[in-house]
Amino acid sequence: MDIIFIEELRISTMIGIYPREKAMPQTVEMSLQIGTSTARAGSSDNIGDTISYALVVDQLRAELSIRQFNLLEKLAEYVAKLLLEDFGAIWVRVSIAKLGMIAGVKRVGVIIERGRNPDQPVEQPS
């Protein structure tokens, strides 16, 4: 399995459980590892034969600008499902962080890993 990655993507979305968080969008920082096969694209040199990171970023920005989540865990699950279902990823690792939420802490967040079939063990990339 190969990995396409997107690191430190900043996206504005409605996230949080507190009234101040529900009042306005916050910027979250996201890093994605997307498991797929890049062999076909490596041979053809055609963007249509791989997962386009530009399309992933565009779709995430569009989707998250109109959604509201209470928890980072729910947001991470949403992103993982989108990558698996809409982009055909085999496996994903999604890291999402809120920035500057706690005094003296740069980021707080979650990291999840998901595969297409939840009944099968996740194949870890090398």
N, C-alpha and C. Protein backbone atom coordinates (compact mmCIF):
# COMPACT_ATOMS: atom_id res chain seq x y z
N MET A 1 0.85 -1.18 0.00
CA MET A 1 0.00 0.00 0.00
C MET A 1 0.88 1.24 0.00
N ASP A 2 0.44 2.22 -0.74
CA ASP A 2 1.13 3.51 -0.80
C ASP A 2 0.33 4.53 0.00
N ILE A 3 0.95 5.65 0.28
CA ILE A 3 0.28 6.69 1.08
C ILE A 3 0.40 8.03 0.39
N ILE A 4 -0.73 8.68 0.23
CA ILE A 4 -0.77 10.09 -0.18
C ILE A 4 -0.99 10.86 1.12
N PHE A 5 -0.20 11.91 1.35
CA PHE A 5 -0.37 12.63 2.60
C PHE A 5 -0.60 14.12 2.38
N ILE A 6 -1.34 14.68 3.32
CA ILE A 6 -1.61 16.12 3.37
C ILE A 6 -1.33 16.52 4.82
N GLU A 7 -0.39 17.43 5.02
CA GLU A 7 0.00 17.79 6.38
C GLU A 7 -0.33 19.25 6.70
N GLU A 8 -0.76 19.44 7.93
CA GLU A 8 -1.02 20.77 8.49
C GLU A 8 -2.00 21.59 7.66
N LEU A 9 -3.02 20.93 7.17
CA LEU A 9 -4.11 21.61 6.46
C LEU A 9 -4.95 22.36 7.48
N ARG A 10 -5.15 23.61 7.25
CA ARG A 10 -5.99 24.41 8.16
C ARG A 10 -7.33 24.67 7.50
N ILE A 11 -8.38 24.34 8.24
CA ILE A 11 -9.75 24.46 7.73
C ILE A 11 -10.61 25.10 8.81
N SER A 12 -11.50 25.97 8.39
CA SER A 12 -12.44 26.62 9.29
C SER A 12 -13.74 25.80 9.33
N THR A 13 -14.20 25.51 10.55
CA THR A 13 -15.45 24.77 10.73
C THR A 13 -16.05 25.11 12.09
N MET A 14 -17.31 24.78 12.24
CA MET A 14 -17.98 24.95 13.53
C MET A 14 -17.70 23.70 14.36
N ILE A 15 -16.97 23.87 15.45
CA ILE A 15 -16.59 22.73 16.28
C ILE A 15 -16.58 23.14 17.75
N GLY A 16 -17.22 22.33 18.57
CA GLY A 16 -17.15 22.60 20.00
C GLY A 16 -18.46 22.40 20.72
N ILE A 17 -18.36 22.31 22.04
CA ILE A 17 -19.53 22.09 22.88
C ILE A 17 -19.92 23.32 23.69
N TYR A 18 -19.02 24.29 23.76
CA TYR A 18 -19.29 25.47 24.57
C TYR A 18 -19.97 26.56 23.73
N PRO A 19 -20.81 27.38 24.37
CA PRO A 19 -21.50 28.44 23.61
C PRO A 19 -20.57 29.33 22.79
N ARG A 20 -19.42 29.68 23.35
CA ARG A 20 -18.48 30.54 22.60
C ARG A 20 -17.97 29.83 21.35
N GLU A 21 -17.86 28.49 21.39
CA GLU A 21 -17.40 27.73 20.24
C GLU A 21 -18.49 27.59 19.18
N LYS A 22 -19.74 27.60 19.61
CA LYS A 22 -20.86 27.48 18.68
C LYS A 22 -21.20 28.80 18.01
N ALA A 23 -20.61 29.88 18.50
CA ALA A 23 -20.93 31.22 17.99
C ALA A 23 -20.20 31.56 16.70
N MET A 24 -19.03 30.96 16.49
CA MET A 24 -18.27 31.30 15.28
C MET A 24 -17.36 30.14 14.90
N PRO A 25 -17.02 30.04 13.62
CA PRO A 25 -16.13 28.96 13.17
C PRO A 25 -14.75 29.07 13.83
N GLN A 26 -14.11 27.92 13.97
CA GLN A 26 -12.74 27.84 14.46
C GLN A 26 -11.87 27.21 13.38
N THR A 27 -10.61 27.52 13.43
CA THR A 27 -9.67 26.87 12.54
C THR A 27 -9.12 25.63 13.22
N VAL A 28 -9.21 24.50 12.52
CA VAL A 28 -8.60 23.27 12.99
C VAL A 28 -7.45 22.92 12.06
N GLU A 29 -6.49 22.20 12.61
CA GLU A 29 -5.36 21.75 11.80
C GLU A 29 -5.50 20.24 11.60
N MET A 30 -5.36 19.83 10.36
CA MET A 30 -5.60 18.45 9.99
C MET A 30 -4.40 17.89 9.22
N SER A 31 -4.01 16.68 9.55
CA SER A 31 -3.02 15.96 8.76
C SER A 31 -3.63 14.62 8.37
N LEU A 32 -3.47 14.26 7.11
CA LEU A 32 -4.10 13.06 6.58
C LEU A 32 -3.07 12.16 5.93
N GLN A 33 -3.22 10.89 6.18
CA GLN A 33 -2.48 9.87 5.43
C GLN A 33 -3.54 9.01 4.78
N ILE A 34 -3.46 8.87 3.47
CA ILE A 34 -4.48 8.20 2.69
C ILE A 34 -3.85 7.00 2.00
N GLY A 35 -4.22 5.81 2.45
CA GLY A 35 -3.68 4.58 1.88
C GLY A 35 -4.38 4.23 0.58
N THR A 36 -3.60 4.00 -0.44
CA THR A 36 -4.12 3.66 -1.76
C THR A 36 -3.00 3.01 -2.55
N SER A 37 -3.26 2.63 -3.76
CA SER A 37 -2.20 2.17 -4.65
C SER A 37 -1.91 3.29 -5.64
N THR A 38 -0.65 3.67 -5.73
CA THR A 38 -0.27 4.70 -6.70
C THR A 38 0.43 4.10 -7.92
N ALA A 39 0.43 2.77 -8.01
CA ALA A 39 1.14 2.10 -9.11
C ALA A 39 0.60 2.52 -10.48
N ARG A 40 -0.69 2.56 -10.62
CA ARG A 40 -1.29 2.93 -11.92
C ARG A 40 -0.90 4.35 -12.32
N ALA A 41 -1.02 5.29 -11.37
CA ALA A 41 -0.66 6.68 -11.66
C ALA A 41 0.85 6.81 -11.89
N GLY A 42 1.63 6.02 -11.18
CA GLY A 42 3.07 6.04 -11.37
C GLY A 42 3.46 5.59 -12.77
N SER A 43 2.65 4.73 -13.33
CA SER A 43 2.91 4.25 -14.69
C SER A 43 2.34 5.18 -15.75
N SER A 44 1.09 5.63 -15.53
CA SER A 44 0.39 6.43 -16.54
C SER A 44 0.74 7.91 -16.50
N ASP A 45 1.15 8.40 -15.33
CA ASP A 45 1.40 9.83 -15.13
C ASP A 45 0.13 10.65 -15.32
N ASN A 46 -1.03 10.04 -14.96
CA ASN A 46 -2.34 10.66 -15.15
C ASN A 46 -3.00 10.87 -13.79
N ILE A 47 -3.40 12.09 -13.50
CA ILE A 47 -4.02 12.43 -12.21
C ILE A 47 -5.31 11.64 -11.97
N GLY A 48 -5.97 11.23 -13.04
CA GLY A 48 -7.20 10.46 -12.92
C GLY A 48 -6.98 9.05 -12.36
N ASP A 49 -5.73 8.62 -12.30
CA ASP A 49 -5.41 7.29 -11.80
C ASP A 49 -4.95 7.28 -10.35
N THR A 50 -5.21 8.37 -9.65
CA THR A 50 -4.82 8.44 -8.24
C THR A 50 -5.83 9.30 -7.48
N ILE A 51 -5.62 9.46 -6.20
CA ILE A 51 -6.45 10.35 -5.39
C ILE A 51 -5.79 11.72 -5.44
N SER A 52 -6.50 12.70 -5.95
CA SER A 52 -5.98 14.06 -6.09
C SER A 52 -6.04 14.78 -4.75
N TYR A 53 -4.88 15.14 -4.21
CA TYR A 53 -4.89 15.85 -2.93
C TYR A 53 -5.56 17.20 -3.06
N ALA A 54 -5.50 17.82 -4.24
CA ALA A 54 -6.19 19.10 -4.45
C ALA A 54 -7.71 18.93 -4.34
N LEU A 55 -8.23 17.84 -4.92
CA LEU A 55 -9.67 17.58 -4.81
C LEU A 55 -10.07 17.25 -3.38
N VAL A 56 -9.22 16.51 -2.68
CA VAL A 56 -9.49 16.20 -1.27
C VAL A 56 -9.59 17.49 -0.46
N VAL A 57 -8.62 18.37 -0.62
CA VAL A 57 -8.61 19.64 0.12
C VAL A 57 -9.84 20.47 -0.24
N ASP A 58 -10.15 20.59 -1.52
CA ASP A 58 -11.31 21.38 -1.94
C ASP A 58 -12.60 20.83 -1.35
N GLN A 59 -12.77 19.50 -1.40
CA GLN A 59 -14.01 18.92 -0.88
C GLN A 59 -14.10 19.07 0.64
N LEU A 60 -12.99 18.88 1.33
CA LEU A 60 -13.01 19.06 2.79
C LEU A 60 -13.36 20.50 3.15
N ARG A 61 -12.75 21.45 2.48
CA ARG A 61 -13.06 22.85 2.78
C ARG A 61 -14.54 23.15 2.54
N ALA A 62 -15.08 22.66 1.44
CA ALA A 62 -16.48 22.91 1.13
C ALA A 62 -17.40 22.23 2.14
N GLU A 63 -17.16 20.98 2.44
CA GLU A 63 -18.02 20.22 3.35
C GLU A 63 -17.96 20.78 4.78
N LEU A 64 -16.76 21.05 5.26
CA LEU A 64 -16.63 21.48 6.66
C LEU A 64 -17.07 22.91 6.88
N SER A 65 -17.14 23.70 5.82
CA SER A 65 -17.61 25.08 5.98
C SER A 65 -19.12 25.14 6.26
N ILE A 66 -19.85 24.07 5.98
CA ILE A 66 -21.30 24.08 6.17
C ILE A 66 -21.77 23.10 7.25
N ARG A 67 -20.86 22.48 7.96
CA ARG A 67 -21.22 21.50 8.98
C ARG A 67 -20.84 22.00 10.37
N GLN A 68 -21.47 21.37 11.38
CA GLN A 68 -21.16 21.69 12.77
C GLN A 68 -20.96 20.39 13.53
N PHE A 69 -19.92 20.35 14.32
CA PHE A 69 -19.58 19.16 15.11
C PHE A 69 -19.38 19.58 16.55
N ASN A 70 -19.78 18.73 17.47
CA ASN A 70 -19.50 18.98 18.88
C ASN A 70 -18.08 18.57 19.23
N LEU A 71 -17.67 17.39 18.76
CA LEU A 71 -16.40 16.80 19.18
C LEU A 71 -15.45 16.59 18.01
N LEU A 72 -14.17 16.69 18.29
CA LEU A 72 -13.15 16.38 17.28
C LEU A 72 -13.26 14.93 16.83
N GLU A 73 -13.67 14.04 17.73
CA GLU A 73 -13.83 12.63 17.38
C GLU A 73 -14.86 12.46 16.26
N LYS A 74 -15.97 13.17 16.35
CA LYS A 74 -17.00 13.09 15.31
C LYS A 74 -16.48 13.69 14.00
N LEU A 75 -15.78 14.79 14.08
CA LEU A 75 -15.20 15.41 12.89
C LEU A 75 -14.21 14.45 12.23
N ALA A 76 -13.36 13.81 13.01
CA ALA A 76 -12.38 12.86 12.47
C ALA A 76 -13.08 11.69 11.78
N GLU A 77 -14.15 11.17 12.38
CA GLU A 77 -14.90 10.08 11.77
C GLU A 77 -15.52 10.53 10.44
N TYR A 78 -16.03 11.74 10.42
CA TYR A 78 -16.63 12.27 9.19
C TYR A 78 -15.58 12.35 8.07
N VAL A 79 -14.41 12.85 8.40
CA VAL A 79 -13.33 12.98 7.40
C VAL A 79 -12.88 11.60 6.93
N ALA A 80 -12.71 10.67 7.85
CA ALA A 80 -12.29 9.32 7.48
C ALA A 80 -13.31 8.67 6.54
N LYS A 81 -14.57 8.79 6.87
CA LYS A 81 -15.63 8.20 6.03
C LYS A 81 -15.63 8.84 4.64
N LEU A 82 -15.47 10.14 4.58
CA LEU A 82 -15.43 10.84 3.29
C LEU A 82 -14.27 10.31 2.43
N LEU A 83 -13.09 10.15 3.02
CA LEU A 83 -11.93 9.68 2.27
C LEU A 83 -12.11 8.23 1.81
N LEU A 84 -12.69 7.40 2.66
CA LEU A 84 -12.90 6.00 2.31
C LEU A 84 -13.99 5.84 1.26
N GLU A 85 -15.09 6.56 1.42
CA GLU A 85 -16.23 6.37 0.53
C GLU A 85 -16.17 7.22 -0.73
N ASP A 86 -15.87 8.48 -0.61
CA ASP A 86 -15.89 9.37 -1.78
C ASP A 86 -14.63 9.28 -2.63
N PHE A 87 -13.51 8.96 -2.00
CA PHE A 87 -12.25 8.93 -2.73
C PHE A 87 -11.67 7.53 -2.90
N GLY A 88 -12.33 6.53 -2.34
CA GLY A 88 -11.90 5.15 -2.54
C GLY A 88 -10.61 4.76 -1.83
N ALA A 89 -10.26 5.48 -0.77
CA ALA A 89 -9.06 5.11 -0.01
C ALA A 89 -9.25 3.72 0.58
N ILE A 90 -8.16 3.01 0.76
CA ILE A 90 -8.17 1.68 1.37
C ILE A 90 -8.07 1.82 2.89
N TRP A 91 -7.29 2.79 3.33
CA TRP A 91 -6.98 3.01 4.74
C TRP A 91 -6.70 4.49 4.92
N VAL A 92 -7.05 5.04 6.09
CA VAL A 92 -6.76 6.44 6.37
C VAL A 92 -6.30 6.61 7.81
N ARG A 93 -5.44 7.59 8.01
CA ARG A 93 -5.08 8.07 9.34
C ARG A 93 -5.42 9.55 9.32
N VAL A 94 -6.28 9.96 10.24
CA VAL A 94 -6.75 11.35 10.31
C VAL A 94 -6.33 11.92 11.65
N SER A 95 -5.59 13.02 11.61
CA SER A 95 -5.17 13.73 12.81
C SER A 95 -5.80 15.12 12.75
N ILE A 96 -6.56 15.46 13.78
CA ILE A 96 -7.22 16.77 13.82
C ILE A 96 -6.95 17.42 15.17
N ALA A 97 -6.56 18.70 15.12
CA ALA A 97 -6.24 19.42 16.34
C ALA A 97 -6.91 20.78 16.38
N LYS A 98 -7.32 21.16 17.60
CA LYS A 98 -7.73 22.53 17.86
C LYS A 98 -6.47 23.27 18.30
N LEU A 99 -6.38 24.52 17.94
CA LEU A 99 -5.19 25.30 18.21
C LEU A 99 -5.43 26.27 19.37
N GLY A 100 -4.50 26.30 20.32
CA GLY A 100 -4.54 27.29 21.40
C GLY A 100 -5.77 27.24 22.28
N MET A 101 -6.33 26.06 22.50
CA MET A 101 -7.56 25.96 23.30
C MET A 101 -7.31 26.00 24.80
N ILE A 102 -6.11 25.57 25.21
CA ILE A 102 -5.77 25.51 26.63
C ILE A 102 -4.49 26.31 26.83
N ALA A 103 -4.48 27.15 27.84
CA ALA A 103 -3.30 27.96 28.12
C ALA A 103 -2.06 27.09 28.25
N GLY A 104 -1.01 27.47 27.54
CA GLY A 104 0.24 26.76 27.61
C GLY A 104 0.30 25.48 26.77
N VAL A 105 -0.75 25.23 25.98
CA VAL A 105 -0.80 24.04 25.12
C VAL A 105 -1.00 24.50 23.69
N LYS A 106 -0.10 24.07 22.81
CA LYS A 106 -0.17 24.49 21.42
C LYS A 106 -1.36 23.89 20.68
N ARG A 107 -1.56 22.57 20.84
CA ARG A 107 -2.64 21.88 20.14
C ARG A 107 -3.20 20.77 21.01
N VAL A 108 -4.48 20.50 20.86
CA VAL A 108 -5.12 19.31 21.43
C VAL A 108 -5.89 18.65 20.32
N GLY A 109 -5.97 17.33 20.34
CA GLY A 109 -6.68 16.69 19.24
C GLY A 109 -6.78 15.20 19.34
N VAL A 110 -7.14 14.60 18.20
CA VAL A 110 -7.32 13.16 18.10
C VAL A 110 -6.64 12.66 16.83
N ILE A 111 -6.26 11.39 16.87
CA ILE A 111 -5.77 10.69 15.69
C ILE A 111 -6.55 9.39 15.60
N ILE A 112 -7.15 9.14 14.44
CA ILE A 112 -7.86 7.88 14.23
C ILE A 112 -7.32 7.20 12.98
N GLU A 113 -7.47 5.89 12.92
CA GLU A 113 -7.15 5.10 11.73
C GLU A 113 -8.38 4.28 11.40
N ARG A 114 -8.71 4.25 10.13
CA ARG A 114 -9.86 3.48 9.67
C ARG A 114 -9.54 2.83 8.34
N GLY A 115 -10.14 1.66 8.12
CA GLY A 115 -10.04 0.96 6.85
C GLY A 115 -11.43 0.81 6.26
N ARG A 116 -11.48 0.34 5.03
CA ARG A 116 -12.78 0.19 4.35
C ARG A 116 -13.70 -0.79 5.05
N ASN A 117 -13.19 -1.92 5.50
CA ASN A 117 -14.02 -2.93 6.13
C ASN A 117 -13.69 -2.99 7.62
N PRO A 118 -14.59 -2.51 8.49
CA PRO A 118 -14.28 -2.46 9.92
C PRO A 118 -14.11 -3.84 10.55
N ASP A 119 -14.56 -4.92 9.88
CA ASP A 119 -14.42 -6.27 10.42
C ASP A 119 -13.05 -6.87 10.14
N GLN A 120 -12.29 -6.26 9.24
CA GLN A 120 -10.96 -6.75 8.93
C GLN A 120 -9.93 -5.90 9.66
N PRO A 121 -8.83 -6.51 10.09
CA PRO A 121 -7.78 -5.72 10.73
C PRO A 121 -7.21 -4.69 9.75
N VAL A 122 -6.83 -3.54 10.28
CA VAL A 122 -6.26 -2.49 9.46
C VAL A 122 -4.85 -2.89 9.05
N GLU A 123 -4.58 -2.84 7.75
CA GLU A 123 -3.23 -3.11 7.25
C GLU A 123 -2.40 -1.86 7.46
N GLN A 124 -1.37 -1.98 8.26
CA GLN A 124 -0.52 -0.83 8.55
C GLN A 124 0.46 -0.60 7.41
N PRO A 125 0.64 0.64 6.99
CA PRO A 125 1.64 0.92 5.96
C PRO A 125 3.04 0.73 6.53
N SER A 126 3.94 0.39 5.65
CA SER A 126 5.34 0.19 6.07
C SER A 126 6.04 1.48 6.33
